[in-house]
Amino acid sequence: MGSSRARDPAPPEPKATPMSGSRIPGLVLPTVFLLAVVVGAFWYWRHRGDD
């Protein structure tokens, strides 16, 4: 019934690797979006009184 073997330890943590190209869009796109929101808010703030 019971296994005489001890439970397998957790797999080792993955080693740190240099940033791969596939991660770049995941970092750049939110940054660009945030920058666009900031620029848009600044533009709105500057032109809110224009008629």
Protein backbone atom coordinates (compact mmCIF):
# COMPACT_ATOMS: atom_id res chain seq x y z
CA MET A 1 0.00 0.00 0.00
CA GLY A 2 2.33 2.74 1.19
CA SER A 3 5.40 3.50 -0.83
CA SER A 4 8.63 2.80 0.95
CA ARG A 5 10.23 5.55 -1.08
CA ALA A 6 10.23 9.06 0.38
CA ARG A 7 8.31 11.71 -1.51
CA ASP A 8 10.27 13.41 -4.26
CA PRO A 9 11.56 16.81 -3.18
CA ALA A 10 10.26 19.87 -4.97
CA PRO A 11 11.95 20.53 -8.29
CA PRO A 12 14.85 22.96 -8.01
CA GLU A 13 14.16 26.61 -8.66
CA PRO A 14 14.89 27.64 -12.26
CA LYS A 15 18.17 29.49 -12.61
CA ALA A 16 18.08 33.15 -13.48
CA THR A 17 18.47 33.60 -17.20
CA PRO A 18 19.12 36.75 -19.19
CA MET A 19 15.99 38.39 -20.50
CA SER A 20 14.81 36.73 -23.67
CA GLY A 21 13.36 38.54 -26.66
CA SER A 22 9.95 37.02 -26.10
CA ARG A 23 9.56 38.96 -22.85
CA ILE A 24 10.18 42.35 -24.45
CA PRO A 25 6.60 42.92 -25.72
CA GLY A 26 5.29 42.14 -22.25
CA LEU A 27 7.43 44.92 -20.84
CA VAL A 28 7.29 47.46 -23.66
CA LEU A 29 3.56 47.43 -24.39
CA PRO A 30 2.41 48.33 -20.86
CA THR A 31 5.14 50.97 -20.68
CA VAL A 32 4.04 52.52 -23.98
CA PHE A 33 0.41 52.42 -22.87
CA LEU A 34 1.24 54.14 -19.57
CA LEU A 35 3.32 56.75 -21.38
CA ALA A 36 0.44 57.42 -23.79
CA VAL A 37 -1.96 57.88 -20.86
CA VAL A 38 0.43 60.30 -19.17
CA VAL A 39 0.98 62.29 -22.38
CA GLY A 40 -2.76 62.37 -23.05
CA ALA A 41 -3.49 63.57 -19.53
CA PHE A 42 -0.80 66.25 -19.83
CA TRP A 43 -2.19 67.37 -23.20
CA TYR A 44 -5.69 67.53 -21.74
CA TRP A 45 -4.43 69.49 -18.72
CA ARG A 46 -2.71 72.04 -20.98
CA HIS A 47 -5.69 72.44 -23.35
CA ARG A 48 -8.65 72.06 -20.99
CA GLY A 49 -9.49 75.77 -21.16
CA ASP A 50 -9.29 76.10 -24.96
CA ASP A 51 -12.51 76.87 -26.80
